[in-house]
Amino acid sequence: MSWTDPYVNEEKALNYELGSSWQGQNLSFTFNGYWMELDNEIISYGGVDDDGSPIKGNADKTLHRGLELGLTAKLNDYHILKVAASKSWDEFDSFTHHDEAGDVDYSGNRIALFPEHLLTATMNSDFGLARTFVRFRAVGKQHLDNSGNNDRVIDSWTSLDLGLRTTINSNTNFSMDFINLFDDKYETSGYYDPWNGGNHFIPAAGRHFLAGVNYLF
């Protein structure tokens, strides 16, 4: 099959990164910074098509900058803390959006559905027969469209998860995870549709748990 006249053009990216890492007996970390320039980045325009798929297209020039941190700390013989965090600036360097209302200059606006920050901190504990984890997650504000309008956003959110692993015998392991322990109400994604009700959100699952048994034959 031959495809002609695509709706979008291919992306072109130029990426610069600089990082450092260090490892000791009980502590290790990595730190990285990046600067990425893209031509014709394929981004969400906002809204969905008749099939419910996000409407996407090219932006002229976009700029992604960010800082990333990874850390592992052995606190004692039982507890290990792992942290992954990032802060990003994702914006249009040059972009004029064309729609039925006319041309709108979005240059300098934040790109839709890019969180301002991400954080995961996990405490892994080993008590011999039982192993547990406590995981804290945080996600920053996201814009639903590219207008820069702060009334069209997914608010930042946090959540806490717990997990248990235990060995029943040499062939059998049991696990149980409690996700979103405090039943926090938040959205994970969405879009803005000016012709059909404005803001649309995709909610996260409420408090739930997963249990499993792993048996080795």
N, C-alpha and C. Protein backbone atom coordinates (compact mmCIF):
# COMPACT_ATOMS: atom_id res chain seq x y z
N MET A 1 0.85 -1.19 0.00
CA MET A 1 0.00 0.00 0.00
C MET A 1 0.89 1.24 0.00
N SER A 2 0.55 2.21 -0.79
CA SER A 2 1.32 3.44 -0.88
C SER A 2 0.50 4.59 -0.30
N TRP A 3 1.13 5.34 0.62
CA TRP A 3 0.45 6.47 1.26
C TRP A 3 0.94 7.77 0.61
N THR A 4 0.00 8.64 0.25
CA THR A 4 0.37 9.92 -0.35
C THR A 4 -0.38 11.03 0.36
N ASP A 5 0.16 12.25 0.24
CA ASP A 5 -0.46 13.44 0.82
C ASP A 5 -0.84 13.24 2.28
N PRO A 6 0.13 12.95 3.17
CA PRO A 6 -0.21 12.77 4.59
C PRO A 6 -0.69 14.07 5.21
N TYR A 7 -1.46 13.94 6.28
CA TYR A 7 -1.96 15.12 6.98
C TYR A 7 -0.87 15.82 7.77
N VAL A 8 0.19 15.09 8.14
CA VAL A 8 1.29 15.68 8.90
C VAL A 8 2.62 15.39 8.21
N ASN A 9 3.62 16.21 8.50
CA ASN A 9 4.96 16.02 7.98
C ASN A 9 5.84 15.38 9.05
N GLU A 10 6.99 14.84 8.62
CA GLU A 10 7.88 14.20 9.58
C GLU A 10 8.53 15.25 10.50
N GLU A 11 8.81 14.81 11.72
CA GLU A 11 9.47 15.67 12.69
C GLU A 11 10.98 15.68 12.46
N LYS A 12 11.61 16.76 12.83
CA LYS A 12 13.07 16.86 12.83
C LYS A 12 13.49 17.40 14.19
N ALA A 13 14.44 16.72 14.84
CA ALA A 13 14.81 17.07 16.20
C ALA A 13 16.31 17.29 16.31
N LEU A 14 16.67 18.27 17.14
CA LEU A 14 18.05 18.53 17.51
C LEU A 14 18.10 18.55 19.03
N ASN A 15 18.90 17.65 19.62
CA ASN A 15 18.87 17.45 21.06
C ASN A 15 20.26 17.61 21.65
N TYR A 16 20.33 18.39 22.74
CA TYR A 16 21.57 18.54 23.50
C TYR A 16 21.31 18.05 24.93
N GLU A 17 22.25 17.27 25.46
CA GLU A 17 22.10 16.77 26.83
C GLU A 17 23.44 16.83 27.54
N LEU A 18 23.37 17.11 28.84
CA LEU A 18 24.55 17.12 29.68
C LEU A 18 24.16 16.55 31.03
N GLY A 19 24.92 15.57 31.50
CA GLY A 19 24.55 14.92 32.75
C GLY A 19 25.76 14.48 33.54
N SER A 20 25.47 14.06 34.76
CA SER A 20 26.53 13.58 35.65
C SER A 20 25.94 12.50 36.54
N SER A 21 26.79 11.58 36.99
CA SER A 21 26.34 10.54 37.90
C SER A 21 27.42 10.28 38.94
N TRP A 22 26.99 9.75 40.07
CA TRP A 22 27.93 9.42 41.16
C TRP A 22 27.38 8.21 41.90
N GLN A 23 28.26 7.31 42.30
CA GLN A 23 27.84 6.11 43.02
C GLN A 23 28.77 5.87 44.20
N GLY A 24 28.16 5.76 45.37
CA GLY A 24 28.88 5.41 46.58
C GLY A 24 28.38 4.11 47.14
N GLN A 25 28.81 3.79 48.34
CA GLN A 25 28.42 2.51 48.93
C GLN A 25 26.92 2.45 49.23
N ASN A 26 26.35 3.54 49.74
CA ASN A 26 24.93 3.55 50.13
C ASN A 26 24.10 4.59 49.39
N LEU A 27 24.74 5.33 48.50
CA LEU A 27 24.04 6.41 47.82
C LEU A 27 24.54 6.53 46.39
N SER A 28 23.62 6.70 45.46
CA SER A 28 23.98 6.96 44.07
C SER A 28 22.96 7.91 43.48
N PHE A 29 23.38 8.70 42.49
CA PHE A 29 22.44 9.61 41.85
C PHE A 29 22.89 9.91 40.44
N THR A 30 21.93 10.33 39.63
CA THR A 30 22.20 10.84 38.29
C THR A 30 21.48 12.17 38.16
N PHE A 31 22.08 13.08 37.41
CA PHE A 31 21.47 14.38 37.16
C PHE A 31 21.71 14.72 35.70
N ASN A 32 20.65 15.14 35.01
CA ASN A 32 20.73 15.35 33.57
C ASN A 32 19.92 16.58 33.18
N GLY A 33 20.43 17.33 32.24
CA GLY A 33 19.70 18.43 31.65
C GLY A 33 19.63 18.27 30.15
N TYR A 34 18.54 18.70 29.54
CA TYR A 34 18.41 18.56 28.08
C TYR A 34 17.79 19.81 27.47
N TRP A 35 18.10 20.01 26.21
CA TRP A 35 17.57 21.11 25.40
C TRP A 35 17.27 20.52 24.04
N MET A 36 15.99 20.47 23.67
CA MET A 36 15.57 19.82 22.43
C MET A 36 14.77 20.79 21.58
N GLU A 37 15.22 20.98 20.35
CA GLU A 37 14.51 21.82 19.39
C GLU A 37 13.91 20.94 18.30
N LEU A 38 12.63 21.14 18.01
CA LEU A 38 11.96 20.33 16.99
C LEU A 38 11.31 21.21 15.94
N ASP A 39 11.42 20.76 14.70
CA ASP A 39 10.65 21.32 13.60
C ASP A 39 9.53 20.33 13.26
N ASN A 40 8.33 20.86 13.06
CA ASN A 40 7.17 20.04 12.67
C ASN A 40 6.81 18.99 13.74
N GLU A 41 6.98 19.32 15.01
CA GLU A 41 6.57 18.36 16.03
C GLU A 41 5.08 18.05 15.88
N ILE A 42 4.74 16.76 15.99
CA ILE A 42 3.35 16.34 15.92
C ILE A 42 2.74 16.48 17.31
N ILE A 43 1.80 17.39 17.44
CA ILE A 43 1.24 17.70 18.75
C ILE A 43 -0.29 17.59 18.70
N SER A 44 -0.89 17.55 19.87
CA SER A 44 -2.35 17.53 19.96
C SER A 44 -2.89 18.93 19.70
N TYR A 45 -3.85 19.03 18.78
CA TYR A 45 -4.48 20.31 18.49
C TYR A 45 -5.64 20.62 19.44
N GLY A 46 -6.07 19.61 20.21
CA GLY A 46 -7.25 19.77 21.03
C GLY A 46 -8.46 19.19 20.32
N GLY A 47 -9.36 18.58 21.11
CA GLY A 47 -10.54 17.96 20.52
C GLY A 47 -10.24 16.57 20.00
N VAL A 48 -11.30 15.89 19.57
CA VAL A 48 -11.19 14.54 19.02
C VAL A 48 -11.97 14.49 17.72
N ASP A 49 -11.64 13.48 16.89
CA ASP A 49 -12.35 13.32 15.63
C ASP A 49 -13.61 12.48 15.85
N ASP A 50 -14.28 12.11 14.75
CA ASP A 50 -15.53 11.36 14.85
C ASP A 50 -15.34 9.98 15.46
N ASP A 51 -14.13 9.46 15.42
CA ASP A 51 -13.84 8.15 16.01
C ASP A 51 -13.38 8.24 17.46
N GLY A 52 -13.29 9.47 17.99
CA GLY A 52 -12.83 9.64 19.36
C GLY A 52 -11.32 9.71 19.51
N SER A 53 -10.59 9.75 18.40
CA SER A 53 -9.13 9.84 18.46
C SER A 53 -8.70 11.30 18.53
N PRO A 54 -7.63 11.60 19.27
CA PRO A 54 -7.17 13.00 19.37
C PRO A 54 -6.79 13.56 18.00
N ILE A 55 -7.17 14.82 17.79
CA ILE A 55 -6.81 15.50 16.55
C ILE A 55 -5.38 16.03 16.70
N LYS A 56 -4.51 15.67 15.76
CA LYS A 56 -3.11 16.06 15.84
C LYS A 56 -2.66 16.71 14.55
N GLY A 57 -1.58 17.46 14.66
CA GLY A 57 -1.00 18.11 13.49
C GLY A 57 0.39 18.61 13.82
N ASN A 58 1.00 19.30 12.85
CA ASN A 58 2.36 19.81 13.03
C ASN A 58 2.36 21.19 13.67
N ALA A 59 3.34 21.42 14.53
CA ALA A 59 3.67 22.77 15.00
C ALA A 59 4.94 23.20 14.30
N ASP A 60 5.08 24.50 14.04
CA ASP A 60 6.24 24.97 13.26
C ASP A 60 7.55 24.65 13.97
N LYS A 61 7.75 25.24 15.15
CA LYS A 61 8.96 25.02 15.93
C LYS A 61 8.59 24.92 17.40
N THR A 62 9.12 23.91 18.07
CA THR A 62 8.87 23.74 19.50
C THR A 62 10.19 23.60 20.24
N LEU A 63 10.13 23.85 21.54
CA LEU A 63 11.32 23.82 22.37
C LEU A 63 11.00 23.07 23.66
N HIS A 64 11.80 22.05 23.96
CA HIS A 64 11.65 21.26 25.18
C HIS A 64 12.94 21.38 25.99
N ARG A 65 12.81 21.83 27.22
CA ARG A 65 13.96 21.93 28.12
C ARG A 65 13.58 21.26 29.44
N GLY A 66 14.56 20.62 30.07
CA GLY A 66 14.20 19.96 31.32
C GLY A 66 15.40 19.54 32.13
N LEU A 67 15.10 19.22 33.39
CA LEU A 67 16.07 18.70 34.35
C LEU A 67 15.54 17.39 34.89
N GLU A 68 16.42 16.39 35.01
CA GLU A 68 16.01 15.06 35.47
C GLU A 68 16.95 14.60 36.58
N LEU A 69 16.36 14.01 37.61
CA LEU A 69 17.13 13.54 38.76
C LEU A 69 16.73 12.11 39.09
N GLY A 70 17.72 11.26 39.31
CA GLY A 70 17.48 9.92 39.80
C GLY A 70 18.35 9.68 41.02
N LEU A 71 17.78 9.09 42.06
CA LEU A 71 18.52 8.89 43.32
C LEU A 71 18.15 7.55 43.93
N THR A 72 19.15 6.84 44.42
CA THR A 72 18.94 5.61 45.18
C THR A 72 19.75 5.70 46.46
N ALA A 73 19.07 5.50 47.60
CA ALA A 73 19.72 5.62 48.90
C ALA A 73 19.39 4.38 49.74
N LYS A 74 20.43 3.65 50.16
CA LYS A 74 20.24 2.53 51.09
C LYS A 74 20.26 3.10 52.50
N LEU A 75 19.11 3.17 53.14
CA LEU A 75 19.00 3.80 54.44
C LEU A 75 19.52 2.91 55.55
N ASN A 76 19.29 1.61 55.42
CA ASN A 76 19.82 0.62 56.35
C ASN A 76 19.68 -0.75 55.70
N ASP A 77 19.80 -1.81 56.46
CA ASP A 77 19.74 -3.15 55.89
C ASP A 77 18.34 -3.53 55.40
N TYR A 78 17.33 -2.74 55.77
CA TYR A 78 15.95 -3.11 55.44
C TYR A 78 15.28 -2.18 54.43
N HIS A 79 15.75 -0.95 54.32
CA HIS A 79 15.02 0.06 53.55
C HIS A 79 15.91 0.70 52.48
N ILE A 80 15.37 0.78 51.26
CA ILE A 80 16.03 1.47 50.15
C ILE A 80 15.04 2.48 49.56
N LEU A 81 15.48 3.72 49.45
CA LEU A 81 14.66 4.78 48.88
C LEU A 81 15.11 5.06 47.45
N LYS A 82 14.14 5.09 46.52
CA LYS A 82 14.43 5.43 45.14
C LYS A 82 13.56 6.61 44.72
N VAL A 83 14.18 7.59 44.08
CA VAL A 83 13.48 8.81 43.67
C VAL A 83 13.78 9.08 42.20
N ALA A 84 12.75 9.38 41.43
CA ALA A 84 12.90 9.84 40.05
C ALA A 84 12.07 11.11 39.91
N ALA A 85 12.70 12.20 39.47
CA ALA A 85 12.00 13.48 39.40
C ALA A 85 12.43 14.23 38.15
N SER A 86 11.53 15.03 37.62
CA SER A 86 11.86 15.86 36.46
C SER A 86 11.05 17.15 36.50
N LYS A 87 11.63 18.18 35.95
CA LYS A 87 10.97 19.47 35.75
C LYS A 87 11.20 19.86 34.31
N SER A 88 10.13 20.23 33.59
CA SER A 88 10.29 20.50 32.17
C SER A 88 9.59 21.80 31.76
N TRP A 89 10.11 22.37 30.71
CA TRP A 89 9.53 23.54 30.07
C TRP A 89 9.32 23.17 28.61
N ASP A 90 8.06 22.98 28.22
CA ASP A 90 7.71 22.50 26.88
C ASP A 90 6.81 23.56 26.24
N GLU A 91 7.33 24.26 25.25
CA GLU A 91 6.57 25.39 24.71
C GLU A 91 6.78 25.54 23.21
N PHE A 92 5.92 26.34 22.62
CA PHE A 92 6.03 26.64 21.19
C PHE A 92 7.02 27.78 20.99
N ASP A 93 8.02 27.52 20.17
CA ASP A 93 8.94 28.58 19.80
C ASP A 93 8.31 29.45 18.71
N SER A 94 7.63 28.76 17.77
CA SER A 94 6.93 29.47 16.70
C SER A 94 5.79 28.59 16.21
N PHE A 95 4.55 29.08 16.37
CA PHE A 95 3.41 28.26 15.95
C PHE A 95 2.18 29.14 15.76
N THR A 96 1.66 29.15 14.55
CA THR A 96 0.40 29.83 14.25
C THR A 96 -0.64 28.76 13.97
N HIS A 97 -1.68 28.73 14.78
CA HIS A 97 -2.73 27.72 14.66
C HIS A 97 -3.82 28.24 13.72
N HIS A 98 -4.21 27.39 12.77
CA HIS A 98 -5.21 27.76 11.78
C HIS A 98 -6.50 26.98 12.07
N ASP A 99 -7.61 27.69 12.25
CA ASP A 99 -8.91 27.03 12.38
C ASP A 99 -9.99 27.92 11.80
N GLU A 100 -11.26 27.51 12.01
CA GLU A 100 -12.38 28.26 11.42
C GLU A 100 -12.46 29.69 11.92
N ALA A 101 -11.93 29.92 13.15
CA ALA A 101 -12.01 31.27 13.72
C ALA A 101 -10.90 32.18 13.20
N GLY A 102 -9.95 31.63 12.45
CA GLY A 102 -8.86 32.43 11.92
C GLY A 102 -7.51 31.93 12.43
N ASP A 103 -6.48 32.73 12.24
CA ASP A 103 -5.13 32.37 12.65
C ASP A 103 -4.85 32.92 14.04
N VAL A 104 -4.28 32.07 14.91
CA VAL A 104 -3.96 32.46 16.27
C VAL A 104 -2.49 32.13 16.52
N ASP A 105 -1.74 33.10 17.04
CA ASP A 105 -0.33 32.91 17.33
C ASP A 105 -0.18 32.28 18.72
N TYR A 106 0.30 31.05 18.78
CA TYR A 106 0.51 30.34 20.05
C TYR A 106 1.97 30.36 20.49
N SER A 107 2.81 31.12 19.82
CA SER A 107 4.22 31.15 20.17
C SER A 107 4.41 31.55 21.64
N GLY A 108 5.23 30.78 22.35
CA GLY A 108 5.48 31.03 23.77
C GLY A 108 4.54 30.29 24.69
N ASN A 109 3.44 29.71 24.17
CA ASN A 109 2.51 28.96 25.01
C ASN A 109 3.05 27.57 25.33
N ARG A 110 2.58 27.02 26.45
CA ARG A 110 2.96 25.67 26.81
C ARG A 110 2.22 24.67 25.91
N ILE A 111 2.89 23.57 25.55
CA ILE A 111 2.30 22.56 24.69
C ILE A 111 1.34 21.70 25.51
N ALA A 112 0.20 21.39 24.93
CA ALA A 112 -0.83 20.62 25.64
C ALA A 112 -0.32 19.25 26.06
N LEU A 113 -0.78 18.83 27.25
CA LEU A 113 -0.59 17.48 27.79
C LEU A 113 0.86 17.15 28.12
N PHE A 114 1.68 18.17 28.37
CA PHE A 114 3.01 17.97 28.92
C PHE A 114 2.99 18.44 30.38
N PRO A 115 3.12 17.54 31.35
CA PRO A 115 3.10 17.96 32.77
C PRO A 115 4.29 18.86 33.09
N GLU A 116 4.07 19.80 34.01
CA GLU A 116 5.14 20.70 34.41
C GLU A 116 6.22 19.98 35.21
N HIS A 117 5.84 18.95 35.95
CA HIS A 117 6.83 18.18 36.70
C HIS A 117 6.31 16.76 36.92
N LEU A 118 7.23 15.85 37.22
CA LEU A 118 6.92 14.46 37.55
C LEU A 118 7.79 14.04 38.73
N LEU A 119 7.19 13.26 39.63
CA LEU A 119 7.95 12.77 40.77
C LEU A 119 7.42 11.39 41.18
N THR A 120 8.34 10.46 41.35
CA THR A 120 8.01 9.16 41.94
C THR A 120 9.04 8.87 43.02
N ALA A 121 8.58 8.62 44.23
CA ALA A 121 9.46 8.27 45.34
C ALA A 121 8.96 6.96 45.94
N THR A 122 9.84 5.96 45.98
CA THR A 122 9.45 4.62 46.42
C THR A 122 10.37 4.15 47.54
N MET A 123 9.76 3.70 48.64
CA MET A 123 10.50 3.09 49.73
C MET A 123 10.31 1.59 49.65
N ASN A 124 11.38 0.87 49.31
CA ASN A 124 11.36 -0.58 49.25
C ASN A 124 11.92 -1.14 50.55
N SER A 125 11.19 -2.06 51.17
CA SER A 125 11.61 -2.64 52.45
C SER A 125 11.62 -4.16 52.34
N ASP A 126 12.64 -4.76 52.94
CA ASP A 126 12.80 -6.22 52.90
C ASP A 126 12.89 -6.73 54.33
N PHE A 127 11.86 -7.46 54.75
CA PHE A 127 11.81 -8.00 56.10
C PHE A 127 11.99 -9.52 56.11
N GLY A 128 12.65 -10.03 55.08
CA GLY A 128 12.86 -11.46 54.99
C GLY A 128 11.74 -12.15 54.23
N LEU A 129 10.77 -12.69 54.95
CA LEU A 129 9.65 -13.37 54.30
C LEU A 129 8.74 -12.40 53.57
N ALA A 130 8.69 -11.16 54.01
CA ALA A 130 7.81 -10.17 53.40
C ALA A 130 8.62 -8.99 52.88
N ARG A 131 8.27 -8.55 51.68
CA ARG A 131 8.88 -7.37 51.07
C ARG A 131 7.76 -6.39 50.74
N THR A 132 7.96 -5.13 51.03
CA THR A 132 6.91 -4.13 50.83
C THR A 132 7.45 -2.94 50.05
N PHE A 133 6.54 -2.18 49.48
CA PHE A 133 6.92 -0.88 48.94
C PHE A 133 5.83 0.14 49.26
N VAL A 134 6.26 1.37 49.45
CA VAL A 134 5.37 2.53 49.58
C VAL A 134 5.79 3.50 48.48
N ARG A 135 4.87 3.84 47.60
CA ARG A 135 5.21 4.66 46.43
C ARG A 135 4.35 5.92 46.42
N PHE A 136 5.01 7.06 46.36
CA PHE A 136 4.35 8.36 46.25
C PHE A 136 4.55 8.89 44.83
N ARG A 137 3.46 9.33 44.20
CA ARG A 137 3.53 9.86 42.85
C ARG A 137 2.94 11.26 42.81
N ALA A 138 3.57 12.14 42.04
CA ALA A 138 3.08 13.50 41.86
C ALA A 138 3.26 13.91 40.41
N VAL A 139 2.23 14.51 39.83
CA VAL A 139 2.26 14.96 38.44
C VAL A 139 1.78 16.41 38.40
N GLY A 140 2.51 17.24 37.68
CA GLY A 140 2.19 18.65 37.62
C GLY A 140 1.05 18.98 36.67
N LYS A 141 0.69 20.24 36.66
CA LYS A 141 -0.40 20.75 35.84
C LYS A 141 -0.14 20.50 34.35
N GLN A 142 -1.22 20.18 33.63
CA GLN A 142 -1.15 19.99 32.17
C GLN A 142 -2.23 20.85 31.52
N HIS A 143 -1.91 21.41 30.38
CA HIS A 143 -2.91 22.17 29.62
C HIS A 143 -3.66 21.23 28.68
N LEU A 144 -4.96 21.45 28.55
CA LEU A 144 -5.79 20.63 27.68
C LEU A 144 -5.68 21.03 26.21
N ASP A 145 -5.32 22.27 25.95
CA ASP A 145 -5.10 22.71 24.57
C ASP A 145 -3.89 23.64 24.57
N ASN A 146 -3.63 24.24 23.43
CA ASN A 146 -2.40 25.02 23.27
C ASN A 146 -2.61 26.52 23.41
N SER A 147 -3.77 26.92 23.89
CA SER A 147 -4.09 28.35 23.96
C SER A 147 -3.39 29.07 25.10
N GLY A 148 -2.90 28.32 26.10
CA GLY A 148 -2.31 28.94 27.28
C GLY A 148 -3.35 29.38 28.30
N ASN A 149 -4.62 29.08 28.06
CA ASN A 149 -5.71 29.48 28.94
C ASN A 149 -5.68 28.61 30.20
N ASN A 150 -5.53 29.23 31.37
CA ASN A 150 -5.44 28.48 32.62
C ASN A 150 -6.78 27.94 33.11
N ASP A 151 -7.85 28.20 32.40
CA ASP A 151 -9.13 27.57 32.69
C ASP A 151 -9.27 26.22 31.97
N ARG A 152 -8.29 25.90 31.15
CA ARG A 152 -8.33 24.65 30.37
C ARG A 152 -7.14 23.78 30.77
N VAL A 153 -7.16 23.29 31.99
CA VAL A 153 -6.00 22.55 32.50
C VAL A 153 -6.46 21.32 33.28
N ILE A 154 -5.54 20.36 33.39
CA ILE A 154 -5.65 19.26 34.34
C ILE A 154 -4.83 19.67 35.55
N ASP A 155 -5.45 19.76 36.70
CA ASP A 155 -4.74 20.19 37.90
C ASP A 155 -3.68 19.17 38.29
N SER A 156 -2.64 19.65 38.98
CA SER A 156 -1.63 18.75 39.51
C SER A 156 -2.26 17.79 40.52
N TRP A 157 -1.66 16.62 40.68
CA TRP A 157 -2.24 15.63 41.58
C TRP A 157 -1.15 14.79 42.23
N THR A 158 -1.51 14.15 43.34
CA THR A 158 -0.62 13.23 44.03
C THR A 158 -1.40 11.96 44.38
N SER A 159 -0.66 10.87 44.57
CA SER A 159 -1.29 9.60 44.90
C SER A 159 -0.29 8.74 45.66
N LEU A 160 -0.82 7.80 46.48
CA LEU A 160 0.02 6.91 47.28
C LEU A 160 -0.38 5.47 47.01
N ASP A 161 0.61 4.60 46.79
CA ASP A 161 0.39 3.17 46.55
C ASP A 161 1.17 2.36 47.58
N LEU A 162 0.63 1.18 47.90
CA LEU A 162 1.31 0.24 48.79
C LEU A 162 1.39 -1.11 48.11
N GLY A 163 2.44 -1.87 48.43
CA GLY A 163 2.58 -3.19 47.84
C GLY A 163 3.20 -4.18 48.81
N LEU A 164 2.84 -5.44 48.66
CA LEU A 164 3.36 -6.52 49.50
C LEU A 164 3.76 -7.69 48.62
N ARG A 165 4.93 -8.25 48.89
CA ARG A 165 5.40 -9.45 48.22
C ARG A 165 5.85 -10.44 49.29
N THR A 166 5.48 -11.70 49.15
CA THR A 166 5.92 -12.71 50.10
C THR A 166 6.12 -14.04 49.40
N THR A 167 7.06 -14.82 49.91
CA THR A 167 7.35 -16.14 49.36
C THR A 167 6.66 -17.19 50.23
N ILE A 168 5.73 -17.93 49.62
CA ILE A 168 5.01 -18.96 50.36
C ILE A 168 5.86 -20.22 50.48
N ASN A 169 6.45 -20.65 49.38
CA ASN A 169 7.41 -21.76 49.39
C ASN A 169 8.35 -21.56 48.22
N SER A 170 9.20 -22.54 47.93
CA SER A 170 10.21 -22.38 46.89
C SER A 170 9.60 -22.18 45.50
N ASN A 171 8.34 -22.56 45.33
CA ASN A 171 7.70 -22.46 44.01
C ASN A 171 6.63 -21.39 43.91
N THR A 172 6.23 -20.81 45.04
CA THR A 172 5.05 -19.96 45.05
C THR A 172 5.34 -18.61 45.70
N ASN A 173 4.97 -17.54 44.98
CA ASN A 173 5.07 -16.17 45.48
C ASN A 173 3.70 -15.52 45.45
N PHE A 174 3.43 -14.69 46.44
CA PHE A 174 2.15 -13.98 46.53
C PHE A 174 2.42 -12.48 46.51
N SER A 175 1.56 -11.73 45.81
CA SER A 175 1.70 -10.27 45.75
C SER A 175 0.34 -9.61 45.90
N MET A 176 0.35 -8.43 46.50
CA MET A 176 -0.86 -7.61 46.60
C MET A 176 -0.47 -6.14 46.56
N ASP A 177 -1.10 -5.39 45.67
CA ASP A 177 -0.85 -3.96 45.53
C ASP A 177 -2.13 -3.19 45.80
N PHE A 178 -2.02 -2.13 46.60
CA PHE A 178 -3.12 -1.22 46.84
C PHE A 178 -2.79 0.09 46.11
N ILE A 179 -3.56 0.39 45.07
CA ILE A 179 -3.29 1.55 44.22
C ILE A 179 -4.23 2.69 44.58
N ASN A 180 -3.68 3.90 44.64
CA ASN A 180 -4.46 5.08 45.02
C ASN A 180 -5.12 4.85 46.38
N LEU A 181 -4.29 4.62 47.38
CA LEU A 181 -4.75 4.19 48.70
C LEU A 181 -5.78 5.13 49.30
N PHE A 182 -5.61 6.42 49.14
CA PHE A 182 -6.52 7.38 49.76
C PHE A 182 -7.67 7.78 48.85
N ASP A 183 -7.85 7.06 47.74
CA ASP A 183 -8.97 7.30 46.83
C ASP A 183 -9.01 8.75 46.33
N ASP A 184 -7.85 9.28 45.97
CA ASP A 184 -7.77 10.65 45.47
C ASP A 184 -8.48 10.76 44.12
N LYS A 185 -9.16 11.88 43.92
CA LYS A 185 -9.88 12.13 42.67
C LYS A 185 -9.03 13.04 41.78
N TYR A 186 -8.62 12.52 40.63
CA TYR A 186 -7.81 13.32 39.73
C TYR A 186 -7.97 12.80 38.31
N GLU A 187 -7.48 13.59 37.35
CA GLU A 187 -7.57 13.22 35.95
C GLU A 187 -6.17 12.94 35.41
N THR A 188 -6.08 12.02 34.48
CA THR A 188 -4.79 11.66 33.88
C THR A 188 -4.60 12.27 32.50
N SER A 189 -5.68 12.60 31.80
CA SER A 189 -5.57 13.18 30.47
C SER A 189 -6.89 13.85 30.12
N GLY A 190 -6.99 14.34 28.89
CA GLY A 190 -8.23 14.99 28.48
C GLY A 190 -8.00 15.85 27.25
N TYR A 191 -8.98 16.68 26.92
CA TYR A 191 -8.88 17.58 25.79
C TYR A 191 -9.91 18.69 25.94
N TYR A 192 -9.73 19.75 25.17
CA TYR A 192 -10.68 20.86 25.15
C TYR A 192 -11.37 20.87 23.80
N ASP A 193 -12.70 20.92 23.83
CA ASP A 193 -13.50 20.93 22.60
C ASP A 193 -14.46 22.11 22.66
N PRO A 194 -14.18 23.19 21.93
CA PRO A 194 -15.03 24.39 22.02
C PRO A 194 -16.44 24.18 21.49
N TRP A 195 -16.65 23.14 20.67
CA TRP A 195 -17.97 22.92 20.08
C TRP A 195 -18.78 21.87 20.83
N ASN A 196 -18.18 21.26 21.84
CA ASN A 196 -18.89 20.17 22.51
C ASN A 196 -18.58 20.14 24.01
N GLY A 197 -18.94 21.21 24.68
CA GLY A 197 -18.88 21.19 26.14
C GLY A 197 -17.60 21.66 26.78
N GLY A 198 -16.63 22.14 26.02
CA GLY A 198 -15.43 22.69 26.64
C GLY A 198 -14.46 21.63 27.12
N ASN A 199 -14.15 21.66 28.43
CA ASN A 199 -13.16 20.74 28.99
C ASN A 199 -13.70 19.32 29.08
N HIS A 200 -12.89 18.37 28.65
CA HIS A 200 -13.22 16.95 28.79
C HIS A 200 -12.04 16.27 29.48
N PHE A 201 -12.35 15.47 30.53
CA PHE A 201 -11.30 14.86 31.34
C PHE A 201 -11.42 13.34 31.32
N ILE A 202 -10.27 12.69 31.40
CA ILE A 202 -10.22 11.23 31.56
C ILE A 202 -9.80 10.97 33.00
N PRO A 203 -10.70 10.47 33.85
CA PRO A 203 -10.38 10.32 35.27
C PRO A 203 -9.51 9.10 35.54
N ALA A 204 -8.76 9.18 36.62
CA ALA A 204 -7.98 8.03 37.08
C ALA A 204 -8.90 7.09 37.85
N ALA A 205 -8.46 5.84 37.95
CA ALA A 205 -9.21 4.87 38.75
C ALA A 205 -9.13 5.26 40.23
N GLY A 206 -10.21 5.03 40.95
CA GLY A 206 -10.21 5.26 42.38
C GLY A 206 -9.41 4.19 43.11
N ARG A 207 -9.60 4.10 44.40
CA ARG A 207 -8.88 3.10 45.18
C ARG A 207 -9.18 1.71 44.65
N HIS A 208 -8.14 0.90 44.41
CA HIS A 208 -8.33 -0.47 43.96
C HIS A 208 -7.12 -1.30 44.34
N PHE A 209 -7.25 -2.60 44.22
CA PHE A 209 -6.13 -3.47 44.57
C PHE A 209 -5.96 -4.56 43.53
N LEU A 210 -4.74 -5.05 43.47
CA LEU A 210 -4.39 -6.15 42.56
C LEU A 210 -3.71 -7.23 43.38
N ALA A 211 -4.16 -8.46 43.21
CA ALA A 211 -3.58 -9.60 43.94
C ALA A 211 -3.17 -10.65 42.93
N GLY A 212 -2.05 -11.32 43.22
CA GLY A 212 -1.59 -12.34 42.29
C GLY A 212 -0.79 -13.42 42.97
N VAL A 213 -0.80 -14.58 42.36
CA VAL A 213 -0.01 -15.71 42.81
C VAL A 213 0.86 -16.17 41.64
N ASN A 214 2.15 -16.28 41.87
CA ASN A 214 3.09 -16.72 40.85
C ASN A 214 3.62 -18.09 41.26
N TYR A 215 3.30 -19.08 40.44
CA TYR A 215 3.72 -20.47 40.75
C TYR A 215 4.68 -20.95 39.68
N LEU A 216 5.84 -21.42 40.09
CA LEU A 216 6.85 -21.93 39.16
C LEU A 216 6.77 -23.43 39.05
N PHE A 217 6.61 -23.91 37.81
CA PHE A 217 6.53 -25.36 37.58
C PHE A 217 7.93 -25.93 37.39
